[in-house]
Amino acid sequence: MSTHAQQAQTLVEALPYIQKYTGKTVVVKYGGNAMISEELRKAVMSDIILLSLVGIRVVVVHGGGPEISDMLKKIGHTSHFVDGLRYTDEVTMDVVQSVLCGKVNKNLVAQLNRLGGQAIGLCGMDGQLFQAVQLNEKYGLVGEITAVNPDPVNNALLSGYIPVVSTVAQGVDADTAYNINADTAAAKLAEALQAEKLILLTDTRGLLRDAGDEETLIHEIHTYEVPGLIESGVVSGGMIPKMQCCVDAINGGVDRVHIIDGRIPHSILIELLSDKGIGTMLKREDN
């Protein structure tokens, strides 16, 4: 098949998906390698702009772990971790807020705008988007979201913008900001927006039955299968909270959750607009 014919075929294949998702909301949790590599970052940005241009309401939620670590190193502040979570003292929280709501968020917005998108940055404290209480004293200023106000995001979407959200929340139990896990924040926001899909970009192919073998990708999971997968150790370590927040999002009304490989250029488009799809899809028992 000639390249032109292949291109036409790709567009024809994408059409029913575009028709299906136009006007619907898709939340993309952006992090990992896709955020660090220049080539992958550009691919993610173009995917998001394309989806937005065909009428899909795209919301980007981002983390920024490496940038936070870099800045803490620059100021000579040592990070330490409790149960795999960064302990957030007051100095770290200042850095998290400056780096996530400032540098990382505005760089993403600028990049989307440069590539022809129309993006606007929001942080969890804008319009009380994320409100939280302290999760547990042993983690320091790490918060658990108690309420989400999706209005600032909906207003941005209505005005034709791509909202780019950083995951810092306003404390309701103390006069402080809280650091929030980006997967959890994305899931809670997807729920509040009644999104059609939540897409988590990760550094793995998806959920693997055997962690050491990429060929054992599980393509589809129903929410009721998750406890068994945790018990058998298929879902372990950092994948447990990730999977848990996916299940919560679906129980809260999100139609589908996709865990996809952010190391593959244009993985978002492949997942959303093609017949083959990639990664692991999580759905409810009844559909």
C-alpha atoms as a PDB file:
ATOM      1  CA  MET A   1       0.000   0.000   0.000  1.00  0.00           C
ATOM      2  CA  SER A   2       1.380   3.431  -0.898  1.00  0.00           C
ATOM      3  CA  THR A   3       2.086   5.902   1.895  1.00  0.00           C
ATOM      4  CA  HIS A   4      -0.772   8.152   0.738  1.00  0.00           C
ATOM      5  CA  ALA A   5      -3.191   5.240   0.821  1.00  0.00           C
ATOM      6  CA  GLN A   6      -1.900   4.264   4.283  1.00  0.00           C
ATOM      7  CA  GLN A   7      -2.410   7.813   5.508  1.00  0.00           C
ATOM      8  CA  ALA A   8      -5.937   7.839   4.103  1.00  0.00           C
ATOM      9  CA  GLN A   9      -6.627   4.457   5.719  1.00  0.00           C
ATOM     10  CA  THR A  10      -5.421   5.774   9.091  1.00  0.00           C
ATOM     11  CA  LEU A  11      -7.723   8.782   8.843  1.00  0.00           C
ATOM     12  CA  VAL A  12     -10.692   6.637   7.794  1.00  0.00           C
ATOM     13  CA  GLU A  13     -10.018   4.334  10.757  1.00  0.00           C
ATOM     14  CA  ALA A  14      -9.866   7.328  13.117  1.00  0.00           C
ATOM     15  CA  LEU A  15     -13.175   8.835  11.946  1.00  0.00           C
ATOM     16  CA  PRO A  16     -15.631   6.695  13.982  1.00  0.00           C
ATOM     17  CA  TYR A  17     -13.514   7.277  17.104  1.00  0.00           C
ATOM     18  CA  ILE A  18     -13.452  11.031  16.501  1.00  0.00           C
ATOM     19  CA  GLN A  19     -17.244  10.972  16.075  1.00  0.00           C
ATOM     20  CA  LYS A  20     -17.604   8.921  19.251  1.00  0.00           C
ATOM     21  CA  TYR A  21     -15.443  11.164  21.454  1.00  0.00           C
ATOM     22  CA  THR A  22     -16.100  14.635  20.079  1.00  0.00           C
ATOM     23  CA  GLY A  23     -17.656  16.760  22.827  1.00  0.00           C
ATOM     24  CA  LYS A  24     -16.582  14.192  25.452  1.00  0.00           C
ATOM     25  CA  THR A  25     -13.975  14.806  28.164  1.00  0.00           C
ATOM     26  CA  VAL A  26     -10.669  12.932  28.304  1.00  0.00           C
ATOM     27  CA  VAL A  27      -8.247  13.422  31.217  1.00  0.00           C
ATOM     28  CA  VAL A  28      -4.586  12.674  30.494  1.00  0.00           C
ATOM     29  CA  LYS A  29      -2.207  12.118  33.418  1.00  0.00           C
ATOM     30  CA  TYR A  30       1.166  13.141  32.047  1.00  0.00           C
ATOM     31  CA  GLY A  31       4.413  12.084  33.704  1.00  0.00           C
ATOM     32  CA  GLY A  32       7.399   9.733  33.561  1.00  0.00           C
ATOM     33  CA  ASN A  33       9.685   9.481  30.552  1.00  0.00           C
ATOM     34  CA  ALA A  34       7.174  11.129  28.234  1.00  0.00           C
ATOM     35  CA  MET A  35       7.804  14.275  30.234  1.00  0.00           C
ATOM     36  CA  ILE A  36      11.607  14.074  30.256  1.00  0.00           C
ATOM     37  CA  SER A  37      12.429  13.107  26.650  1.00  0.00           C
ATOM     38  CA  GLU A  38      12.160  16.047  24.231  1.00  0.00           C
ATOM     39  CA  GLU A  39      10.909  13.851  21.353  1.00  0.00           C
ATOM     40  CA  LEU A  40       8.244  12.134  23.462  1.00  0.00           C
ATOM     41  CA  ARG A  41       7.146  15.412  25.001  1.00  0.00           C
ATOM     42  CA  LYS A  42       6.555  16.882  21.557  1.00  0.00           C
ATOM     43  CA  ALA A  43       4.593  13.792  20.482  1.00  0.00           C
ATOM     44  CA  VAL A  44       2.358  14.013  23.578  1.00  0.00           C
ATOM     45  CA  MET A  45       1.752  17.731  23.008  1.00  0.00           C
ATOM     46  CA  SER A  46       0.813  17.194  19.331  1.00  0.00           C
ATOM     47  CA  ASP A  47      -1.555  14.358  20.289  1.00  0.00           C
ATOM     48  CA  ILE A  48      -3.281  16.585  22.842  1.00  0.00           C
ATOM     49  CA  ILE A  49      -3.610  19.462  20.364  1.00  0.00           C
ATOM     50  CA  LEU A  50      -4.983  17.172  17.645  1.00  0.00           C
ATOM     51  CA  LEU A  51      -7.599  15.704  20.016  1.00  0.00           C
ATOM     52  CA  SER A  52      -8.573  19.201  21.088  1.00  0.00           C
ATOM     53  CA  LEU A  53      -8.892  20.384  17.472  1.00  0.00           C
ATOM     54  CA  VAL A  54     -11.279  17.538  16.578  1.00  0.00           C
ATOM     55  CA  GLY A  55     -13.583  18.615  19.406  1.00  0.00           C
ATOM     56  CA  ILE A  56     -12.474  16.347  22.265  1.00  0.00           C
ATOM     57  CA  ARG A  57     -12.315  18.159  25.612  1.00  0.00           C
ATOM     58  CA  VAL A  58      -8.785  17.300  26.768  1.00  0.00           C
ATOM     59  CA  VAL A  59      -7.563  18.028  30.298  1.00  0.00           C
ATOM     60  CA  VAL A  60      -3.908  17.483  31.201  1.00  0.00           C
ATOM     61  CA  VAL A  61      -2.879  16.677  34.789  1.00  0.00           C
ATOM     62  CA  HIS A  62       0.865  16.576  35.418  1.00  0.00           C
ATOM     63  CA  GLY A  63       3.412  15.641  38.037  1.00  0.00           C
ATOM     64  CA  GLY A  64       7.043  16.747  38.084  1.00  0.00           C
ATOM     65  CA  GLY A  65       9.072  14.503  40.391  1.00  0.00           C
ATOM     66  CA  PRO A  66      12.463  14.835  38.598  1.00  0.00           C
ATOM     67  CA  GLU A  67      12.249  18.653  38.467  1.00  0.00           C
ATOM     68  CA  ILE A  68      11.370  18.783  42.175  1.00  0.00           C
ATOM     69  CA  SER A  69      14.346  16.544  43.009  1.00  0.00           C
ATOM     70  CA  ASP A  70      16.651  18.736  40.858  1.00  0.00           C
ATOM     71  CA  MET A  71      15.560  21.917  42.600  1.00  0.00           C
ATOM     72  CA  LEU A  72      15.902  20.381  46.081  1.00  0.00           C
ATOM     73  CA  LYS A  73      19.396  19.273  45.118  1.00  0.00           C
ATOM     74  CA  LYS A  74      20.247  22.787  43.906  1.00  0.00           C
ATOM     75  CA  ILE A  75      19.272  24.284  47.250  1.00  0.00           C
ATOM     76  CA  GLY A  76      21.077  21.486  49.116  1.00  0.00           C
ATOM     77  CA  HIS A  77      17.944  19.956  50.648  1.00  0.00           C
ATOM     78  CA  THR A  78      17.978  16.159  50.932  1.00  0.00           C
ATOM     79  CA  SER A  79      14.832  14.260  49.908  1.00  0.00           C
ATOM     80  CA  HIS A  80      13.850  11.297  51.942  1.00  0.00           C
ATOM     81  CA  PHE A  81      11.125   8.799  51.213  1.00  0.00           C
ATOM     82  CA  VAL A  82       8.641   7.039  53.486  1.00  0.00           C
ATOM     83  CA  ASP A  83       6.934   3.936  51.986  1.00  0.00           C
ATOM     84  CA  GLY A  84       8.045   5.098  48.535  1.00  0.00           C
ATOM     85  CA  LEU A  85       6.454   8.557  48.955  1.00  0.00           C
ATOM     86  CA  ARG A  86       8.575  11.691  49.176  1.00  0.00           C
ATOM     87  CA  TYR A  87       8.420  13.070  52.733  1.00  0.00           C
ATOM     88  CA  THR A  88       7.207  16.651  52.292  1.00  0.00           C
ATOM     89  CA  ASP A  89       8.490  19.069  54.929  1.00  0.00           C
ATOM     90  CA  GLU A  90       7.872  22.841  54.682  1.00  0.00           C
ATOM     91  CA  VAL A  91      10.965  23.518  52.539  1.00  0.00           C
ATOM     92  CA  THR A  92      10.035  20.690  50.180  1.00  0.00           C
ATOM     93  CA  MET A  93       6.441  21.957  49.989  1.00  0.00           C
ATOM     94  CA  ASP A  94       7.677  25.435  48.996  1.00  0.00           C
ATOM     95  CA  VAL A  95       9.753  23.852  46.254  1.00  0.00           C
ATOM     96  CA  VAL A  96       6.887  21.583  45.127  1.00  0.00           C
ATOM     97  CA  GLN A  97       4.555  24.564  44.867  1.00  0.00           C
ATOM     98  CA  SER A  98       7.092  26.768  43.043  1.00  0.00           C
ATOM     99  CA  VAL A  99       8.233  24.058  40.638  1.00  0.00           C
ATOM    100  CA  LEU A 100       4.888  22.368  39.889  1.00  0.00           C
ATOM    101  CA  CYS A 101       2.554  25.383  39.813  1.00  0.00           C
ATOM    102  CA  GLY A 102       5.277  27.600  38.339  1.00  0.00           C
ATOM    103  CA  LYS A 103       8.052  26.239  36.166  1.00  0.00           C
ATOM    104  CA  VAL A 104       6.667  22.862  35.062  1.00  0.00           C
ATOM    105  CA  ASN A 105       3.080  24.026  34.564  1.00  0.00           C
ATOM    106  CA  LYS A 106       3.972  27.180  32.638  1.00  0.00           C
ATOM    107  CA  ASN A 107       6.555  25.376  30.483  1.00  0.00           C
ATOM    108  CA  LEU A 108       3.901  22.840  29.421  1.00  0.00           C
ATOM    109  CA  VAL A 109       1.407  25.604  28.698  1.00  0.00           C
ATOM    110  CA  ALA A 110       4.000  27.511  26.652  1.00  0.00           C
ATOM    111  CA  GLN A 111       4.952  24.392  24.718  1.00  0.00           C
ATOM    112  CA  LEU A 112       1.332  23.566  23.855  1.00  0.00           C
ATOM    113  CA  ASN A 113       0.790  27.171  22.766  1.00  0.00           C
ATOM    114  CA  ARG A 114       3.941  27.173  20.630  1.00  0.00           C
ATOM    115  CA  LEU A 115       2.801  24.018  18.853  1.00  0.00           C
ATOM    116  CA  GLY A 116      -0.508  25.648  17.940  1.00  0.00           C
ATOM    117  CA  GLY A 117      -2.685  24.666  20.892  1.00  0.00           C
ATOM    118  CA  GLN A 118      -4.561  27.005  23.190  1.00  0.00           C
ATOM    119  CA  ALA A 119      -3.582  26.042  26.718  1.00  0.00           C
ATOM    120  CA  ILE A 120      -4.112  27.623  30.105  1.00  0.00           C
ATOM    121  CA  GLY A 121      -2.424  26.638  33.378  1.00  0.00           C
ATOM    122  CA  LEU A 122      -4.310  25.924  36.596  1.00  0.00           C
ATOM    123  CA  CYS A 123      -3.087  24.670  39.936  1.00  0.00           C
ATOM    124  CA  GLY A 124      -5.183  22.864  42.507  1.00  0.00           C
ATOM    125  CA  MET A 125      -5.537  26.038  44.560  1.00  0.00           C
ATOM    126  CA  ASP A 126      -7.101  28.051  41.732  1.00  0.00           C
ATOM    127  CA  GLY A 127     -10.845  28.313  42.365  1.00  0.00           C
ATOM    128  CA  GLN A 128     -10.453  25.679  45.103  1.00  0.00           C
ATOM    129  CA  LEU A 129     -10.016  23.080  42.381  1.00  0.00           C
ATOM    130  CA  PHE A 130      -8.490  20.549  44.830  1.00  0.00           C
ATOM    131  CA  GLN A 131      -9.176  20.760  48.556  1.00  0.00           C
ATOM    132  CA  ALA A 132      -7.360  18.379  50.866  1.00  0.00           C
ATOM    133  CA  VAL A 133      -6.524  17.339  54.422  1.00  0.00           C
ATOM    134  CA  GLN A 134      -3.242  15.864  55.614  1.00  0.00           C
ATOM    135  CA  LEU A 135      -3.001  12.217  54.536  1.00  0.00           C
ATOM    136  CA  ASN A 136      -0.795  11.031  57.391  1.00  0.00           C
ATOM    137  CA  GLU A 137       1.709  12.846  59.584  1.00  0.00           C
ATOM    138  CA  LYS A 138       4.459  10.410  58.649  1.00  0.00           C
ATOM    139  CA  TYR A 139       4.453  11.763  55.050  1.00  0.00           C
ATOM    140  CA  GLY A 140       4.511  15.429  56.106  1.00  0.00           C
ATOM    141  CA  LEU A 141       2.568  17.850  53.909  1.00  0.00           C
ATOM    142  CA  VAL A 142       1.090  15.215  51.596  1.00  0.00           C
ATOM    143  CA  GLY A 143      -2.643  15.631  51.177  1.00  0.00           C
ATOM    144  CA  GLU A 144      -5.697  13.508  50.615  1.00  0.00           C
ATOM    145  CA  ILE A 145      -8.279  15.176  48.373  1.00  0.00           C
ATOM    146  CA  THR A 146     -11.580  15.792  50.156  1.00  0.00           C
ATOM    147  CA  ALA A 147     -13.333  17.850  47.453  1.00  0.00           C
ATOM    148  CA  VAL A 148     -12.898  18.789  43.806  1.00  0.00           C
ATOM    149  CA  ASN A 149     -14.439  21.880  42.223  1.00  0.00           C
ATOM    150  CA  PRO A 150     -14.346  21.225  38.467  1.00  0.00           C
ATOM    151  CA  ASP A 151     -15.726  24.699  37.547  1.00  0.00           C
ATOM    152  CA  PRO A 152     -12.351  26.337  36.709  1.00  0.00           C
ATOM    153  CA  VAL A 153     -11.554  23.395  34.385  1.00  0.00           C
ATOM    154  CA  ASN A 154     -15.026  23.377  32.800  1.00  0.00           C
ATOM    155  CA  ASN A 155     -14.888  27.143  32.258  1.00  0.00           C
ATOM    156  CA  ALA A 156     -11.499  26.829  30.540  1.00  0.00           C
ATOM    157  CA  LEU A 157     -12.853  24.016  28.328  1.00  0.00           C
ATOM    158  CA  LEU A 158     -15.945  26.069  27.441  1.00  0.00           C
ATOM    159  CA  SER A 159     -13.676  28.925  26.341  1.00  0.00           C
ATOM    160  CA  GLY A 160     -11.791  26.555  24.031  1.00  0.00           C
ATOM    161  CA  TYR A 161      -8.682  26.133  26.188  1.00  0.00           C
ATOM    162  CA  ILE A 162      -6.751  22.981  27.057  1.00  0.00           C
ATOM    163  CA  PRO A 163      -6.516  23.138  30.883  1.00  0.00           C
ATOM    164  CA  VAL A 164      -3.119  22.045  32.250  1.00  0.00           C
ATOM    165  CA  VAL A 165      -3.456  21.210  35.953  1.00  0.00           C
ATOM    166  CA  SER A 166      -0.700  20.890  38.550  1.00  0.00           C
ATOM    167  CA  THR A 167      -1.375  18.714  41.577  1.00  0.00           C
ATOM    168  CA  VAL A 168      -1.007  20.977  44.581  1.00  0.00           C
ATOM    169  CA  ALA A 169      -4.105  21.301  46.786  1.00  0.00           C
ATOM    170  CA  GLN A 170      -5.449  23.885  49.197  1.00  0.00           C
ATOM    171  CA  GLY A 171      -5.460  22.629  52.781  1.00  0.00           C
ATOM    172  CA  VAL A 172      -8.842  22.786  54.507  1.00  0.00           C
ATOM    173  CA  ASP A 173      -7.547  21.555  57.887  1.00  0.00           C
ATOM    174  CA  ALA A 174      -4.574  23.959  58.053  1.00  0.00           C
ATOM    175  CA  ASP A 175      -3.251  27.095  56.394  1.00  0.00           C
ATOM    176  CA  THR A 176      -0.962  25.220  54.012  1.00  0.00           C
ATOM    177  CA  ALA A 177      -0.747  23.780  50.535  1.00  0.00           C
ATOM    178  CA  TYR A 178      -0.515  20.003  50.150  1.00  0.00           C
ATOM    179  CA  ASN A 179       1.442  17.857  47.742  1.00  0.00           C
ATOM    180  CA  ILE A 180      -0.920  15.405  45.998  1.00  0.00           C
ATOM    181  CA  ASN A 181      -0.118  12.219  44.105  1.00  0.00           C
ATOM    182  CA  ALA A 182      -0.702  13.060  40.418  1.00  0.00           C
ATOM    183  CA  ASP A 183      -2.432   9.743  39.565  1.00  0.00           C
ATOM    184  CA  THR A 184      -4.904  10.233  42.407  1.00  0.00           C
ATOM    185  CA  ALA A 185      -5.529  13.871  41.470  1.00  0.00           C
ATOM    186  CA  ALA A 186      -6.137  12.929  37.820  1.00  0.00           C
ATOM    187  CA  ALA A 187      -8.576  10.178  38.853  1.00  0.00           C
ATOM    188  CA  LYS A 188     -10.496  12.492  41.211  1.00  0.00           C
ATOM    189  CA  LEU A 189     -10.683  15.228  38.581  1.00  0.00           C
ATOM    190  CA  ALA A 190     -11.836  12.754  35.891  1.00  0.00           C
ATOM    191  CA  GLU A 191     -14.569  11.658  38.286  1.00  0.00           C
ATOM    192  CA  ALA A 192     -15.667  15.231  39.035  1.00  0.00           C
ATOM    193  CA  LEU A 193     -15.756  16.031  35.296  1.00  0.00           C
ATOM    194  CA  GLN A 194     -17.619  12.770  34.563  1.00  0.00           C
ATOM    195  CA  ALA A 195     -14.950  12.120  31.939  1.00  0.00           C
ATOM    196  CA  GLU A 196     -15.376   9.502  29.267  1.00  0.00           C
ATOM    197  CA  LYS A 197     -11.771   8.385  29.704  1.00  0.00           C
ATOM    198  CA  LEU A 198      -8.801   8.722  32.013  1.00  0.00           C
ATOM    199  CA  ILE A 199      -5.448   7.972  30.391  1.00  0.00           C
ATOM    200  CA  LEU A 200      -2.394   7.393  32.588  1.00  0.00           C
ATOM    201  CA  LEU A 201       0.930   7.670  30.756  1.00  0.00           C
ATOM    202  CA  THR A 202       3.470   5.386  32.433  1.00  0.00           C
ATOM    203  CA  ASP A 203       6.936   3.955  31.787  1.00  0.00           C
ATOM    204  CA  THR A 204       5.646   0.409  31.233  1.00  0.00           C
ATOM    205  CA  ARG A 205       3.572  -1.220  28.497  1.00  0.00           C
ATOM    206  CA  GLY A 206       0.648  -1.392  30.900  1.00  0.00           C
ATOM    207  CA  LEU A 207      -0.110  -4.090  33.449  1.00  0.00           C
ATOM    208  CA  LEU A 208       2.033  -7.175  32.894  1.00  0.00           C
ATOM    209  CA  ARG A 209       1.084 -10.642  34.172  1.00  0.00           C
ATOM    210  CA  ASP A 210       4.818 -11.272  34.568  1.00  0.00           C
ATOM    211  CA  ALA A 211       6.665  -8.054  35.453  1.00  0.00           C
ATOM    212  CA  GLY A 212       9.832  -9.291  33.736  1.00  0.00           C
ATOM    213  CA  ASP A 213       8.163 -10.077  30.398  1.00  0.00           C
ATOM    214  CA  GLU A 214       6.656  -7.292  28.284  1.00  0.00           C
ATOM    215  CA  GLU A 215       4.865  -9.898  26.143  1.00  0.00           C
ATOM    216  CA  THR A 216       2.537 -10.728  29.055  1.00  0.00           C
ATOM    217  CA  LEU A 217       0.571  -7.475  28.770  1.00  0.00           C
ATOM    218  CA  ILE A 218      -2.985  -7.730  30.113  1.00  0.00           C
ATOM    219  CA  HIS A 219      -5.114  -5.849  27.569  1.00  0.00           C
ATOM    220  CA  GLU A 220      -8.359  -5.657  29.505  1.00  0.00           C
ATOM    221  CA  ILE A 221      -9.378  -5.861  33.162  1.00  0.00           C
ATOM    222  CA  HIS A 222     -12.771  -5.563  34.849  1.00  0.00           C
ATOM    223  CA  THR A 223     -12.764  -3.709  38.162  1.00  0.00           C
ATOM    224  CA  TYR A 224     -13.843  -6.845  40.087  1.00  0.00           C
ATOM    225  CA  GLU A 225     -10.624  -8.627  39.006  1.00  0.00           C
ATOM    226  CA  VAL A 226      -8.339  -6.076  40.692  1.00  0.00           C
ATOM    227  CA  PRO A 227      -8.361  -7.434  44.301  1.00  0.00           C
ATOM    228  CA  GLY A 228      -7.375 -10.887  42.989  1.00  0.00           C
ATOM    229  CA  LEU A 229      -4.561  -9.401  40.889  1.00  0.00           C
ATOM    230  CA  ILE A 230      -3.241  -7.572  43.977  1.00  0.00           C
ATOM    231  CA  GLU A 231      -3.497 -10.736  46.073  1.00  0.00           C
ATOM    232  CA  SER A 232      -1.612 -12.839  43.509  1.00  0.00           C
ATOM    233  CA  GLY A 233       1.124 -10.190  43.256  1.00  0.00           C
ATOM    234  CA  VAL A 234       0.456  -9.352  39.562  1.00  0.00           C
ATOM    235  CA  VAL A 235      -0.358  -5.835  40.756  1.00  0.00           C
ATOM    236  CA  SER A 236       2.387  -4.899  43.213  1.00  0.00           C
ATOM    237  CA  GLY A 237       4.500  -1.995  44.486  1.00  0.00           C
ATOM    238  CA  GLY A 238       3.704   1.371  42.922  1.00  0.00           C
ATOM    239  CA  MET A 239       1.095  -0.226  40.634  1.00  0.00           C
ATOM    240  CA  ILE A 240      -1.208  -0.901  43.631  1.00  0.00           C
ATOM    241  CA  PRO A 241      -2.139   2.746  44.386  1.00  0.00           C
ATOM    242  CA  LYS A 242      -2.243   3.459  40.612  1.00  0.00           C
ATOM    243  CA  MET A 243      -4.696   0.597  40.054  1.00  0.00           C
ATOM    244  CA  GLN A 244      -6.704   1.560  43.128  1.00  0.00           C
ATOM    245  CA  CYS A 245      -7.266   5.100  41.892  1.00  0.00           C
ATOM    246  CA  CYS A 246      -8.291   3.695  38.468  1.00  0.00           C
ATOM    247  CA  VAL A 247     -10.930   1.531  40.155  1.00  0.00           C
ATOM    248  CA  ASP A 248     -12.142   4.528  42.209  1.00  0.00           C
ATOM    249  CA  ALA A 249     -12.447   6.631  39.028  1.00  0.00           C
ATOM    250  CA  ILE A 250     -14.570   3.955  37.335  1.00  0.00           C
ATOM    251  CA  ASN A 251     -16.730   3.509  40.443  1.00  0.00           C
ATOM    252  CA  GLY A 252     -17.164   7.298  40.383  1.00  0.00           C
ATOM    253  CA  GLY A 253     -18.535   7.300  36.838  1.00  0.00           C
ATOM    254  CA  VAL A 254     -15.525   7.438  34.466  1.00  0.00           C
ATOM    255  CA  ASP A 255     -16.293   5.103  31.579  1.00  0.00           C
ATOM    256  CA  ARG A 256     -12.831   3.668  30.838  1.00  0.00           C
ATOM    257  CA  VAL A 257      -9.326   3.985  32.281  1.00  0.00           C
ATOM    258  CA  HIS A 258      -6.263   3.261  30.140  1.00  0.00           C
ATOM    259  CA  ILE A 259      -2.748   2.670  31.468  1.00  0.00           C
ATOM    260  CA  ILE A 260      -0.525   3.187  28.442  1.00  0.00           C
ATOM    261  CA  ASP A 261       3.160   3.312  27.570  1.00  0.00           C
ATOM    262  CA  GLY A 262       4.329   6.919  27.452  1.00  0.00           C
ATOM    263  CA  ARG A 263       7.638   5.730  25.950  1.00  0.00           C
ATOM    264  CA  ILE A 264       5.900   5.050  22.634  1.00  0.00           C
ATOM    265  CA  PRO A 265       5.546   8.201  20.501  1.00  0.00           C
ATOM    266  CA  HIS A 266       1.874   9.131  19.903  1.00  0.00           C
ATOM    267  CA  SER A 267       0.622   6.381  22.244  1.00  0.00           C
ATOM    268  CA  ILE A 268      -2.396   8.577  23.128  1.00  0.00           C
ATOM    269  CA  LEU A 269      -3.559   8.758  19.495  1.00  0.00           C
ATOM    270  CA  ILE A 270      -2.944   5.047  18.960  1.00  0.00           C
ATOM    271  CA  GLU A 271      -5.023   4.261  22.044  1.00  0.00           C
ATOM    272  CA  LEU A 272      -7.893   6.636  21.330  1.00  0.00           C
ATOM    273  CA  LEU A 273      -8.230   6.798  17.566  1.00  0.00           C
ATOM    274  CA  SER A 274      -7.189   3.413  16.185  1.00  0.00           C
ATOM    275  CA  ASP A 275      -8.594  -0.106  16.139  1.00  0.00           C
ATOM    276  CA  LYS A 276      -5.574  -1.681  17.771  1.00  0.00           C
ATOM    277  CA  GLY A 277      -5.234   0.310  20.995  1.00  0.00           C
ATOM    278  CA  ILE A 278      -2.311  -0.310  23.318  1.00  0.00           C
ATOM    279  CA  GLY A 279      -1.775  -0.715  27.036  1.00  0.00           C
ATOM    280  CA  THR A 280      -4.202  -1.988  29.655  1.00  0.00           C
ATOM    281  CA  MET A 281      -7.829  -0.916  29.705  1.00  0.00           C
ATOM    282  CA  LEU A 282      -9.846  -1.027  32.892  1.00  0.00           C
ATOM    283  CA  LYS A 283     -13.638  -1.120  32.704  1.00  0.00           C
ATOM    284  CA  ARG A 284     -16.712  -1.895  34.759  1.00  0.00           C
ATOM    285  CA  GLU A 285     -18.127  -5.415  35.086  1.00  0.00           C
ATOM    286  CA  ASP A 286     -21.220  -4.638  33.032  1.00  0.00           C
ATOM    287  CA  ASN A 287     -19.684  -3.106  29.904  1.00  0.00           C
END
